[in-house]
Amino acid sequence: MSRLDINRSGEMEVFARVVELGGFSAAARRIGMTPSAVSKLVARLEGRLGARLVHRSTRQLRLTPEGEAFYGRCRAVLAAIAEAEREVAAGAVPRGRVRVNSNVPFGLHWLMPLVPGFLARYPEITLDIVATDMVIDLIDERADVAIRVGPMRASPLIARKLGESRMAVVASPDYLARHGAPATLEELERHNRIAFNFTRLVAGWPFRDASGATVTVPPVGNVLVGDGESARRLALAGAGLARLSHFHIGPDLAAGRLVEVLADVNPGDTETIHAVFIGQGAQLPARVRVFLDYLADHARVG
């Protein structure tokens, strides 16, 4: 018989009950077996171990030295199993590493400020964070959670919505003072538009034309970047126009560091922010579940 075919913890439990209750009959009554089945199980256990565990007599059951040693190990193993089950059932303190992949704007402006509070609540968890605007494969990169901003591709991954935020074309007051604010889509053509150097699901900047139809203007300019935070910083520095989400630039707009342009032809589209992950329910490790819950409760993007 293969070791995988043997219910070793079950055998240990029966043997421990025999010892603790002082005999086969008492153990059989407690665990719902017949005395002969209990006796055969202990005999089979002795045969596999190659050692006698108990001395049987009509009056009492007495452990051999080998039986004493084995009983002590059985108690330790059974206690460890019970503790493991209690921890899982009761939602024990989550521990371990959570690998998080976030796009740069969300990572810097939303995720990083939440890290101290999360770690204070879950000190046994280690966060391993990578910030990049490149879309990664969770399995290849061994990530537990990834933050996706924008349209979601068809995927077997589970997605949890964190919020959505309106898009806006913005520039710094200094840039607008030097180049003027575009009033029409035609005037937009002569402005430097900060672009991304990686493929995006939405290739251009959408606007409404005079008829109300949506038209797309390509972001053409003399600078391309690999993440949204770089685009924001270039816009703040006066390098050109950028099209970014309010969740990213809200404080800059409120403080006047950036100014929205062409708001009257903004189609009102939004970027949706999701946390995506593999598995759900019982398949989701506690360390990942509590991170997702904390993120959803505290990073309410709107």
C-alpha atoms as a PDB file:
ATOM      1  CA  MET A   1       0.000   0.000   0.000  1.00  0.00           C
ATOM      2  CA  SER A   2       1.278   3.452  -0.933  1.00  0.00           C
ATOM      3  CA  ARG A   3       1.931   5.926   1.868  1.00  0.00           C
ATOM      4  CA  LEU A   4      -0.564   8.204   0.117  1.00  0.00           C
ATOM      5  CA  ASP A   5      -3.235   5.521   0.524  1.00  0.00           C
ATOM      6  CA  ILE A   6      -2.862   5.494   4.327  1.00  0.00           C
ATOM      7  CA  ASN A   7      -4.899   7.849   6.501  1.00  0.00           C
ATOM      8  CA  ARG A   8      -2.011   8.339   8.877  1.00  0.00           C
ATOM      9  CA  SER A   9      -3.617  11.109  10.939  1.00  0.00           C
ATOM     10  CA  GLY A  10      -6.756   8.968  11.269  1.00  0.00           C
ATOM     11  CA  GLU A  11      -4.696   6.043  12.559  1.00  0.00           C
ATOM     12  CA  MET A  12      -2.951   8.335  15.025  1.00  0.00           C
ATOM     13  CA  GLU A  13      -6.288   9.621  16.303  1.00  0.00           C
ATOM     14  CA  VAL A  14      -7.635   6.108  16.863  1.00  0.00           C
ATOM     15  CA  PHE A  15      -4.451   5.012  18.612  1.00  0.00           C
ATOM     16  CA  ALA A  16      -4.475   8.098  20.847  1.00  0.00           C
ATOM     17  CA  ARG A  17      -8.097   7.449  21.842  1.00  0.00           C
ATOM     18  CA  VAL A  18      -7.250   3.849  22.728  1.00  0.00           C
ATOM     19  CA  VAL A  19      -4.489   5.078  25.017  1.00  0.00           C
ATOM     20  CA  GLU A  20      -6.462   7.919  26.586  1.00  0.00           C
ATOM     21  CA  LEU A  21      -9.631   5.889  27.173  1.00  0.00           C
ATOM     22  CA  GLY A  22      -7.779   2.786  28.327  1.00  0.00           C
ATOM     23  CA  GLY A  23      -8.985   0.197  25.845  1.00  0.00           C
ATOM     24  CA  PHE A  24     -10.357  -0.746  22.457  1.00  0.00           C
ATOM     25  CA  SER A  25     -14.019  -0.882  23.491  1.00  0.00           C
ATOM     26  CA  ALA A  26     -14.071   2.559  25.083  1.00  0.00           C
ATOM     27  CA  ALA A  27     -12.253   4.080  22.110  1.00  0.00           C
ATOM     28  CA  ALA A  28     -14.621   2.341  19.700  1.00  0.00           C
ATOM     29  CA  ARG A  29     -17.674   3.808  21.467  1.00  0.00           C
ATOM     30  CA  ARG A  30     -16.171   7.311  21.399  1.00  0.00           C
ATOM     31  CA  ILE A  31     -15.266   7.351  17.701  1.00  0.00           C
ATOM     32  CA  GLY A  32     -18.115   5.240  16.341  1.00  0.00           C
ATOM     33  CA  MET A  33     -16.244   2.091  15.329  1.00  0.00           C
ATOM     34  CA  THR A  34     -16.533  -1.516  16.433  1.00  0.00           C
ATOM     35  CA  PRO A  35     -13.995  -2.856  18.972  1.00  0.00           C
ATOM     36  CA  SER A  36     -12.742  -5.392  16.441  1.00  0.00           C
ATOM     37  CA  ALA A  37     -12.184  -2.647  13.829  1.00  0.00           C
ATOM     38  CA  VAL A  38     -10.189  -0.628  16.354  1.00  0.00           C
ATOM     39  CA  SER A  39      -8.130  -3.667  17.324  1.00  0.00           C
ATOM     40  CA  LYS A  40      -7.394  -4.483  13.680  1.00  0.00           C
ATOM     41  CA  LEU A  41      -6.390  -0.856  12.967  1.00  0.00           C
ATOM     42  CA  VAL A  42      -3.899  -0.844  15.846  1.00  0.00           C
ATOM     43  CA  ALA A  43      -2.549  -4.238  14.739  1.00  0.00           C
ATOM     44  CA  ARG A  44      -2.150  -2.942  11.189  1.00  0.00           C
ATOM     45  CA  LEU A  45      -0.375   0.149  12.516  1.00  0.00           C
ATOM     46  CA  GLU A  46       2.022  -2.034  14.530  1.00  0.00           C
ATOM     47  CA  GLY A  47       2.697  -4.161  11.474  1.00  0.00           C
ATOM     48  CA  ARG A  48       3.543  -1.155   9.340  1.00  0.00           C
ATOM     49  CA  LEU A  49       5.769   0.361  12.018  1.00  0.00           C
ATOM     50  CA  GLY A  50       7.433  -2.976  12.802  1.00  0.00           C
ATOM     51  CA  ALA A  51       7.017  -2.458  16.542  1.00  0.00           C
ATOM     52  CA  ARG A  52       4.552  -3.524  19.226  1.00  0.00           C
ATOM     53  CA  LEU A  53       2.809  -0.499  20.662  1.00  0.00           C
ATOM     54  CA  VAL A  54       0.567  -2.032  23.331  1.00  0.00           C
ATOM     55  CA  HIS A  55       0.518  -5.088  25.557  1.00  0.00           C
ATOM     56  CA  ARG A  56      -3.010  -6.512  25.494  1.00  0.00           C
ATOM     57  CA  SER A  57      -4.613  -8.379  28.370  1.00  0.00           C
ATOM     58  CA  THR A  58      -8.130  -9.072  29.555  1.00  0.00           C
ATOM     59  CA  ARG A  59      -7.723  -6.615  32.425  1.00  0.00           C
ATOM     60  CA  GLN A  60      -5.819  -3.683  30.990  1.00  0.00           C
ATOM     61  CA  LEU A  61      -3.958  -2.203  28.088  1.00  0.00           C
ATOM     62  CA  ARG A  62      -0.369  -1.172  28.712  1.00  0.00           C
ATOM     63  CA  LEU A  63       1.905   0.758  26.370  1.00  0.00           C
ATOM     64  CA  THR A  64       5.306  -0.533  25.375  1.00  0.00           C
ATOM     65  CA  PRO A  65       8.250   1.918  25.388  1.00  0.00           C
ATOM     66  CA  GLU A  66       7.787   2.236  21.654  1.00  0.00           C
ATOM     67  CA  GLY A  67       4.089   2.850  22.220  1.00  0.00           C
ATOM     68  CA  GLU A  68       4.847   5.577  24.769  1.00  0.00           C
ATOM     69  CA  ALA A  69       7.150   7.342  22.322  1.00  0.00           C
ATOM     70  CA  PHE A  70       4.693   7.005  19.448  1.00  0.00           C
ATOM     71  CA  TYR A  71       1.799   8.263  21.575  1.00  0.00           C
ATOM     72  CA  GLY A  72       3.753  11.397  22.447  1.00  0.00           C
ATOM     73  CA  ARG A  73       4.398  12.089  18.779  1.00  0.00           C
ATOM     74  CA  CYS A  74       0.755  11.381  17.928  1.00  0.00           C
ATOM     75  CA  ARG A  75      -0.425  13.976  20.452  1.00  0.00           C
ATOM     76  CA  ALA A  76       1.926  16.591  18.996  1.00  0.00           C
ATOM     77  CA  VAL A  77       0.861  15.893  15.402  1.00  0.00           C
ATOM     78  CA  LEU A  78      -2.855  15.873  16.230  1.00  0.00           C
ATOM     79  CA  ALA A  79      -2.511  19.100  18.210  1.00  0.00           C
ATOM     80  CA  ALA A  80      -0.740  20.755  15.248  1.00  0.00           C
ATOM     81  CA  ILE A  81      -3.493  19.639  12.873  1.00  0.00           C
ATOM     82  CA  ALA A  82      -6.197  20.939  15.201  1.00  0.00           C
ATOM     83  CA  GLU A  83      -4.406  24.259  15.567  1.00  0.00           C
ATOM     84  CA  ALA A  84      -4.026  24.612  11.802  1.00  0.00           C
ATOM     85  CA  GLU A  85      -7.731  23.966  11.322  1.00  0.00           C
ATOM     86  CA  ARG A  86      -8.658  26.460  14.041  1.00  0.00           C
ATOM     87  CA  GLU A  87      -6.461  29.132  12.482  1.00  0.00           C
ATOM     88  CA  VAL A  88      -7.960  28.717   9.045  1.00  0.00           C
ATOM     89  CA  ALA A  89     -11.550  28.453  10.311  1.00  0.00           C
ATOM     90  CA  ALA A  90     -11.195  31.470  12.591  1.00  0.00           C
ATOM     91  CA  GLY A  91      -9.279  33.588  10.098  1.00  0.00           C
ATOM     92  CA  ALA A  92      -5.968  33.479  11.900  1.00  0.00           C
ATOM     93  CA  VAL A  93      -3.587  36.406  11.707  1.00  0.00           C
ATOM     94  CA  PRO A  94      -2.661  36.542   8.008  1.00  0.00           C
ATOM     95  CA  ARG A  95       1.038  36.256   7.328  1.00  0.00           C
ATOM     96  CA  GLY A  96       3.401  35.921   4.412  1.00  0.00           C
ATOM     97  CA  ARG A  97       4.394  37.895   1.323  1.00  0.00           C
ATOM     98  CA  VAL A  98       1.882  39.674  -0.912  1.00  0.00           C
ATOM     99  CA  ARG A  99       3.339  40.556  -4.304  1.00  0.00           C
ATOM    100  CA  VAL A 100       1.612  43.619  -5.739  1.00  0.00           C
ATOM    101  CA  ASN A 101       2.053  45.040  -9.221  1.00  0.00           C
ATOM    102  CA  SER A 102       0.616  48.539  -9.648  1.00  0.00           C
ATOM    103  CA  ASN A 103       0.655  51.122 -12.348  1.00  0.00           C
ATOM    104  CA  VAL A 104       2.877  54.034 -11.332  1.00  0.00           C
ATOM    105  CA  PRO A 105       0.250  56.756 -10.670  1.00  0.00           C
ATOM    106  CA  PHE A 106      -1.953  54.562  -8.495  1.00  0.00           C
ATOM    107  CA  GLY A 107       1.076  53.102  -6.758  1.00  0.00           C
ATOM    108  CA  LEU A 108       2.573  56.470  -5.834  1.00  0.00           C
ATOM    109  CA  HIS A 109      -0.551  58.487  -5.079  1.00  0.00           C
ATOM    110  CA  TRP A 110      -2.932  55.890  -3.623  1.00  0.00           C
ATOM    111  CA  LEU A 111      -1.159  52.666  -2.697  1.00  0.00           C
ATOM    112  CA  MET A 112       1.997  53.954  -0.999  1.00  0.00           C
ATOM    113  CA  PRO A 113       0.114  56.193   1.457  1.00  0.00           C
ATOM    114  CA  LEU A 114      -1.924  53.151   2.549  1.00  0.00           C
ATOM    115  CA  VAL A 115       1.087  50.935   3.245  1.00  0.00           C
ATOM    116  CA  PRO A 116       1.883  52.119   6.803  1.00  0.00           C
ATOM    117  CA  GLY A 117      -1.712  51.646   7.977  1.00  0.00           C
ATOM    118  CA  PHE A 118      -2.006  48.237   6.356  1.00  0.00           C
ATOM    119  CA  LEU A 119       1.252  46.980   7.867  1.00  0.00           C
ATOM    120  CA  ALA A 120       0.259  48.312  11.277  1.00  0.00           C
ATOM    121  CA  ARG A 121      -2.920  46.240  11.083  1.00  0.00           C
ATOM    122  CA  TYR A 122      -1.208  43.157   9.592  1.00  0.00           C
ATOM    123  CA  PRO A 123       2.366  43.136  10.897  1.00  0.00           C
ATOM    124  CA  GLU A 124       2.934  39.512   9.812  1.00  0.00           C
ATOM    125  CA  ILE A 125       2.481  40.418   6.126  1.00  0.00           C
ATOM    126  CA  THR A 126       5.302  41.615   3.869  1.00  0.00           C
ATOM    127  CA  LEU A 127       4.314  43.731   0.865  1.00  0.00           C
ATOM    128  CA  ASP A 128       6.465  43.275  -2.246  1.00  0.00           C
ATOM    129  CA  ILE A 129       5.467  46.149  -4.563  1.00  0.00           C
ATOM    130  CA  VAL A 130       6.490  46.744  -8.163  1.00  0.00           C
ATOM    131  CA  ALA A 131       5.272  49.930  -9.879  1.00  0.00           C
ATOM    132  CA  THR A 132       5.130  49.906 -13.678  1.00  0.00           C
ATOM    133  CA  ASP A 133       2.653  51.012 -16.316  1.00  0.00           C
ATOM    134  CA  MET A 134       3.459  47.971 -18.448  1.00  0.00           C
ATOM    135  CA  VAL A 135       0.765  45.275 -18.285  1.00  0.00           C
ATOM    136  CA  ILE A 136       2.254  42.147 -16.731  1.00  0.00           C
ATOM    137  CA  ASP A 137       1.165  38.524 -16.565  1.00  0.00           C
ATOM    138  CA  LEU A 138       0.339  37.656 -12.958  1.00  0.00           C
ATOM    139  CA  ILE A 139       1.456  34.050 -13.299  1.00  0.00           C
ATOM    140  CA  ASP A 140       4.702  34.814 -15.122  1.00  0.00           C
ATOM    141  CA  GLU A 141       5.592  37.583 -12.674  1.00  0.00           C
ATOM    142  CA  ARG A 142       4.349  35.597  -9.648  1.00  0.00           C
ATOM    143  CA  ALA A 143       2.197  38.539  -8.575  1.00  0.00           C
ATOM    144  CA  ASP A 144      -0.724  38.082  -6.182  1.00  0.00           C
ATOM    145  CA  VAL A 145      -2.504  41.321  -7.092  1.00  0.00           C
ATOM    146  CA  ALA A 146      -2.179  43.717 -10.015  1.00  0.00           C
ATOM    147  CA  ILE A 147      -3.744  47.156 -10.392  1.00  0.00           C
ATOM    148  CA  ARG A 148      -5.228  47.675 -13.839  1.00  0.00           C
ATOM    149  CA  VAL A 149      -6.292  51.128 -15.039  1.00  0.00           C
ATOM    150  CA  GLY A 150      -8.434  51.445 -18.142  1.00  0.00           C
ATOM    151  CA  PRO A 151     -10.418  48.938 -20.202  1.00  0.00           C
ATOM    152  CA  MET A 152     -10.108  45.310 -19.090  1.00  0.00           C
ATOM    153  CA  ARG A 153      -9.148  42.690 -21.642  1.00  0.00           C
ATOM    154  CA  ALA A 154     -10.968  39.366 -21.619  1.00  0.00           C
ATOM    155  CA  SER A 155      -9.198  37.329 -18.975  1.00  0.00           C
ATOM    156  CA  PRO A 156      -9.731  34.433 -16.565  1.00  0.00           C
ATOM    157  CA  LEU A 157      -8.547  36.701 -13.751  1.00  0.00           C
ATOM    158  CA  ILE A 158     -10.924  37.941 -11.064  1.00  0.00           C
ATOM    159  CA  ALA A 159     -11.351  41.734 -10.978  1.00  0.00           C
ATOM    160  CA  ARG A 160     -12.439  43.902  -8.065  1.00  0.00           C
ATOM    161  CA  LYS A 161     -13.424  47.445  -8.980  1.00  0.00           C
ATOM    162  CA  LEU A 162     -11.756  50.163  -6.923  1.00  0.00           C
ATOM    163  CA  GLY A 163     -13.384  53.099  -8.678  1.00  0.00           C
ATOM    164  CA  GLU A 164     -13.427  55.171 -11.828  1.00  0.00           C
ATOM    165  CA  SER A 165     -12.201  58.641 -12.652  1.00  0.00           C
ATOM    166  CA  ARG A 166     -12.814  61.178 -15.420  1.00  0.00           C
ATOM    167  CA  MET A 167     -10.079  61.934 -17.934  1.00  0.00           C
ATOM    168  CA  ALA A 168      -8.865  65.463 -18.697  1.00  0.00           C
ATOM    169  CA  VAL A 169      -6.362  67.187 -20.983  1.00  0.00           C
ATOM    170  CA  VAL A 170      -4.202  69.436 -18.835  1.00  0.00           C
ATOM    171  CA  ALA A 171      -1.216  71.753 -18.974  1.00  0.00           C
ATOM    172  CA  SER A 172       0.681  73.950 -16.559  1.00  0.00           C
ATOM    173  CA  PRO A 173      -0.119  77.677 -16.314  1.00  0.00           C
ATOM    174  CA  ASP A 174       3.440  78.370 -17.491  1.00  0.00           C
ATOM    175  CA  TYR A 175       2.974  76.294 -20.656  1.00  0.00           C
ATOM    176  CA  LEU A 176      -0.346  77.991 -21.429  1.00  0.00           C
ATOM    177  CA  ALA A 177       1.186  81.431 -20.853  1.00  0.00           C
ATOM    178  CA  ARG A 178       3.891  80.646 -23.416  1.00  0.00           C
ATOM    179  CA  HIS A 179       1.798  78.796 -26.006  1.00  0.00           C
ATOM    180  CA  GLY A 180      -1.783  79.807 -25.377  1.00  0.00           C
ATOM    181  CA  ALA A 181      -4.688  77.539 -24.459  1.00  0.00           C
ATOM    182  CA  PRO A 182      -6.154  75.561 -27.395  1.00  0.00           C
ATOM    183  CA  ALA A 183      -9.764  76.561 -27.936  1.00  0.00           C
ATOM    184  CA  THR A 184     -10.542  74.089 -30.753  1.00  0.00           C
ATOM    185  CA  LEU A 185      -9.352  70.705 -31.936  1.00  0.00           C
ATOM    186  CA  GLU A 186      -7.686  72.451 -34.865  1.00  0.00           C
ATOM    187  CA  GLU A 187      -5.631  74.588 -32.468  1.00  0.00           C
ATOM    188  CA  LEU A 188      -4.709  71.452 -30.541  1.00  0.00           C
ATOM    189  CA  GLU A 189      -2.694  70.282 -33.558  1.00  0.00           C
ATOM    190  CA  ARG A 190       0.009  72.894 -32.973  1.00  0.00           C
ATOM    191  CA  HIS A 191       0.537  71.945 -29.332  1.00  0.00           C
ATOM    192  CA  ASN A 192       3.062  69.468 -27.957  1.00  0.00           C
ATOM    193  CA  ARG A 193       1.167  66.403 -26.709  1.00  0.00           C
ATOM    194  CA  ILE A 194       2.962  64.124 -24.265  1.00  0.00           C
ATOM    195  CA  ALA A 195       2.552  60.512 -25.382  1.00  0.00           C
ATOM    196  CA  PHE A 196       3.275  57.035 -24.060  1.00  0.00           C
ATOM    197  CA  ASN A 197       5.933  54.782 -25.570  1.00  0.00           C
ATOM    198  CA  PHE A 198       3.975  51.557 -25.039  1.00  0.00           C
ATOM    199  CA  THR A 199       0.842  50.168 -26.661  1.00  0.00           C
ATOM    200  CA  ARG A 200      -2.427  51.166 -25.039  1.00  0.00           C
ATOM    201  CA  LEU A 201      -5.946  49.850 -25.625  1.00  0.00           C
ATOM    202  CA  VAL A 202      -7.043  53.430 -26.397  1.00  0.00           C
ATOM    203  CA  ALA A 203      -4.492  54.740 -28.879  1.00  0.00           C
ATOM    204  CA  GLY A 204      -5.512  58.419 -29.107  1.00  0.00           C
ATOM    205  CA  TRP A 205      -7.211  61.217 -27.225  1.00  0.00           C
ATOM    206  CA  PRO A 206     -11.017  61.183 -27.744  1.00  0.00           C
ATOM    207  CA  PHE A 207     -13.025  64.390 -28.109  1.00  0.00           C
ATOM    208  CA  ARG A 208     -16.506  65.417 -29.275  1.00  0.00           C
ATOM    209  CA  ASP A 209     -16.698  67.299 -32.530  1.00  0.00           C
ATOM    210  CA  ALA A 210     -19.283  69.939 -33.459  1.00  0.00           C
ATOM    211  CA  SER A 211     -21.823  67.256 -34.375  1.00  0.00           C
ATOM    212  CA  GLY A 212     -21.395  65.460 -31.071  1.00  0.00           C
ATOM    213  CA  ALA A 213     -19.562  62.516 -32.606  1.00  0.00           C
ATOM    214  CA  THR A 214     -16.406  61.196 -30.983  1.00  0.00           C
ATOM    215  CA  VAL A 215     -13.169  61.858 -32.830  1.00  0.00           C
ATOM    216  CA  THR A 216      -9.714  60.685 -31.859  1.00  0.00           C
ATOM    217  CA  VAL A 217      -6.660  62.924 -31.956  1.00  0.00           C
ATOM    218  CA  PRO A 218      -3.282  61.158 -31.832  1.00  0.00           C
ATOM    219  CA  PRO A 219      -0.916  62.385 -29.100  1.00  0.00           C
ATOM    220  CA  VAL A 220       1.915  63.715 -31.236  1.00  0.00           C
ATOM    221  CA  GLY A 221       4.847  65.532 -29.712  1.00  0.00           C
ATOM    222  CA  ASN A 222       8.559  65.479 -29.054  1.00  0.00           C
ATOM    223  CA  VAL A 223       8.496  63.488 -25.819  1.00  0.00           C
ATOM    224  CA  LEU A 224       7.252  59.976 -24.992  1.00  0.00           C
ATOM    225  CA  VAL A 225       7.216  58.369 -21.559  1.00  0.00           C
ATOM    226  CA  GLY A 226       6.725  54.936 -20.077  1.00  0.00           C
ATOM    227  CA  ASP A 227       4.371  55.784 -17.226  1.00  0.00           C
ATOM    228  CA  GLY A 228       1.650  58.234 -16.234  1.00  0.00           C
ATOM    229  CA  GLU A 229       3.603  59.815 -13.396  1.00  0.00           C
ATOM    230  CA  SER A 230       6.326  60.871 -15.816  1.00  0.00           C
ATOM    231  CA  ALA A 231       3.668  62.417 -18.061  1.00  0.00           C
ATOM    232  CA  ARG A 232       2.251  64.298 -15.070  1.00  0.00           C
ATOM    233  CA  ARG A 233       5.653  65.625 -14.044  1.00  0.00           C
ATOM    234  CA  LEU A 234       6.456  66.770 -17.574  1.00  0.00           C
ATOM    235  CA  ALA A 235       3.117  68.566 -17.743  1.00  0.00           C
ATOM    236  CA  LEU A 236       3.863  70.244 -14.406  1.00  0.00           C
ATOM    237  CA  ALA A 237       7.249  71.299 -15.771  1.00  0.00           C
ATOM    238  CA  GLY A 238       5.620  72.935 -18.800  1.00  0.00           C
ATOM    239  CA  ALA A 239       6.733  70.420 -21.439  1.00  0.00           C
ATOM    240  CA  GLY A 240       3.331  70.096 -23.077  1.00  0.00           C
ATOM    241  CA  LEU A 241      -0.238  68.862 -22.776  1.00  0.00           C
ATOM    242  CA  ALA A 242      -1.050  65.546 -21.121  1.00  0.00           C
ATOM    243  CA  ARG A 243      -4.259  63.550 -20.909  1.00  0.00           C
ATOM    244  CA  LEU A 244      -4.526  62.065 -17.441  1.00  0.00           C
ATOM    245  CA  SER A 245      -7.092  60.810 -14.986  1.00  0.00           C
ATOM    246  CA  HIS A 246      -8.541  62.927 -12.174  1.00  0.00           C
ATOM    247  CA  PHE A 247      -7.535  60.296  -9.626  1.00  0.00           C
ATOM    248  CA  HIS A 248      -3.955  61.091 -10.634  1.00  0.00           C
ATOM    249  CA  ILE A 249      -4.045  64.885 -10.994  1.00  0.00           C
ATOM    250  CA  GLY A 250      -6.931  65.953  -8.761  1.00  0.00           C
ATOM    251  CA  PRO A 251      -4.716  67.746  -6.207  1.00  0.00           C
ATOM    252  CA  ASP A 252      -2.793  69.491  -9.009  1.00  0.00           C
ATOM    253  CA  LEU A 253      -6.027  70.811 -10.514  1.00  0.00           C
ATOM    254  CA  ALA A 254      -7.303  71.930  -7.122  1.00  0.00           C
ATOM    255  CA  ALA A 255      -4.041  73.748  -6.377  1.00  0.00           C
ATOM    256  CA  GLY A 256      -3.826  75.354  -9.822  1.00  0.00           C
ATOM    257  CA  ARG A 257      -0.583  73.581 -10.715  1.00  0.00           C
ATOM    258  CA  LEU A 258      -2.389  72.125 -13.748  1.00  0.00           C
ATOM    259  CA  VAL A 259      -5.279  73.575 -15.736  1.00  0.00           C
ATOM    260  CA  GLU A 260      -7.811  71.626 -17.776  1.00  0.00           C
ATOM    261  CA  VAL A 261      -8.165  72.622 -21.437  1.00  0.00           C
ATOM    262  CA  LEU A 262     -10.794  71.780 -24.061  1.00  0.00           C
ATOM    263  CA  ALA A 263     -13.247  70.809 -21.302  1.00  0.00           C
ATOM    264  CA  ASP A 264     -16.188  71.736 -23.564  1.00  0.00           C
ATOM    265  CA  VAL A 265     -15.275  68.963 -26.039  1.00  0.00           C
ATOM    266  CA  ASN A 266     -14.270  66.408 -23.428  1.00  0.00           C
ATOM    267  CA  PRO A 267     -16.393  63.315 -24.143  1.00  0.00           C
ATOM    268  CA  GLY A 268     -16.642  62.555 -20.420  1.00  0.00           C
ATOM    269  CA  ASP A 269     -14.946  59.179 -20.650  1.00  0.00           C
ATOM    270  CA  THR A 270     -13.543  57.632 -17.514  1.00  0.00           C
ATOM    271  CA  GLU A 271     -10.766  55.269 -16.541  1.00  0.00           C
ATOM    272  CA  THR A 272     -11.796  52.375 -14.361  1.00  0.00           C
ATOM    273  CA  ILE A 273      -9.386  51.070 -11.737  1.00  0.00           C
ATOM    274  CA  HIS A 274      -9.462  47.371 -10.865  1.00  0.00           C
ATOM    275  CA  ALA A 275      -7.488  45.103  -8.606  1.00  0.00           C
ATOM    276  CA  VAL A 276      -7.095  41.802 -10.431  1.00  0.00           C
ATOM    277  CA  PHE A 277      -6.047  38.519  -8.900  1.00  0.00           C
ATOM    278  CA  ILE A 278      -6.180  34.753  -9.298  1.00  0.00           C
ATOM    279  CA  GLY A 279      -8.646  32.634  -7.346  1.00  0.00           C
ATOM    280  CA  GLN A 280     -11.560  33.496  -5.118  1.00  0.00           C
ATOM    281  CA  GLY A 281     -13.363  32.301  -2.029  1.00  0.00           C
ATOM    282  CA  ALA A 282     -11.575  29.449  -0.303  1.00  0.00           C
ATOM    283  CA  GLN A 283      -8.882  29.490  -2.999  1.00  0.00           C
ATOM    284  CA  LEU A 284      -7.781  33.014  -2.048  1.00  0.00           C
ATOM    285  CA  PRO A 285      -5.076  33.078   0.641  1.00  0.00           C
ATOM    286  CA  ALA A 286      -5.944  35.130   3.720  1.00  0.00           C
ATOM    287  CA  ARG A 287      -2.906  37.381   3.172  1.00  0.00           C
ATOM    288  CA  VAL A 288      -4.250  38.348  -0.275  1.00  0.00           C
ATOM    289  CA  ARG A 289      -7.864  38.610   0.837  1.00  0.00           C
ATOM    290  CA  VAL A 290      -7.134  41.091   3.633  1.00  0.00           C
ATOM    291  CA  PHE A 291      -4.973  43.190   1.295  1.00  0.00           C
ATOM    292  CA  LEU A 292      -7.780  43.387  -1.275  1.00  0.00           C
ATOM    293  CA  ASP A 293     -10.311  44.268   1.431  1.00  0.00           C
ATOM    294  CA  TYR A 294      -8.076  47.000   2.839  1.00  0.00           C
ATOM    295  CA  LEU A 295      -7.458  48.403  -0.632  1.00  0.00           C
ATOM    296  CA  ALA A 296     -11.172  48.463  -1.463  1.00  0.00           C
ATOM    297  CA  ASP A 297     -12.028  50.148   1.852  1.00  0.00           C
ATOM    298  CA  HIS A 298      -9.332  52.824   1.768  1.00  0.00           C
ATOM    299  CA  ALA A 299      -8.555  53.523  -1.915  1.00  0.00           C
ATOM    300  CA  ARG A 300     -11.962  54.746  -2.984  1.00  0.00           C
ATOM    301  CA  VAL A 301     -11.117  56.346  -6.290  1.00  0.00           C
ATOM    302  CA  GLY A 302     -13.755  58.656  -7.635  1.00  0.00           C
END
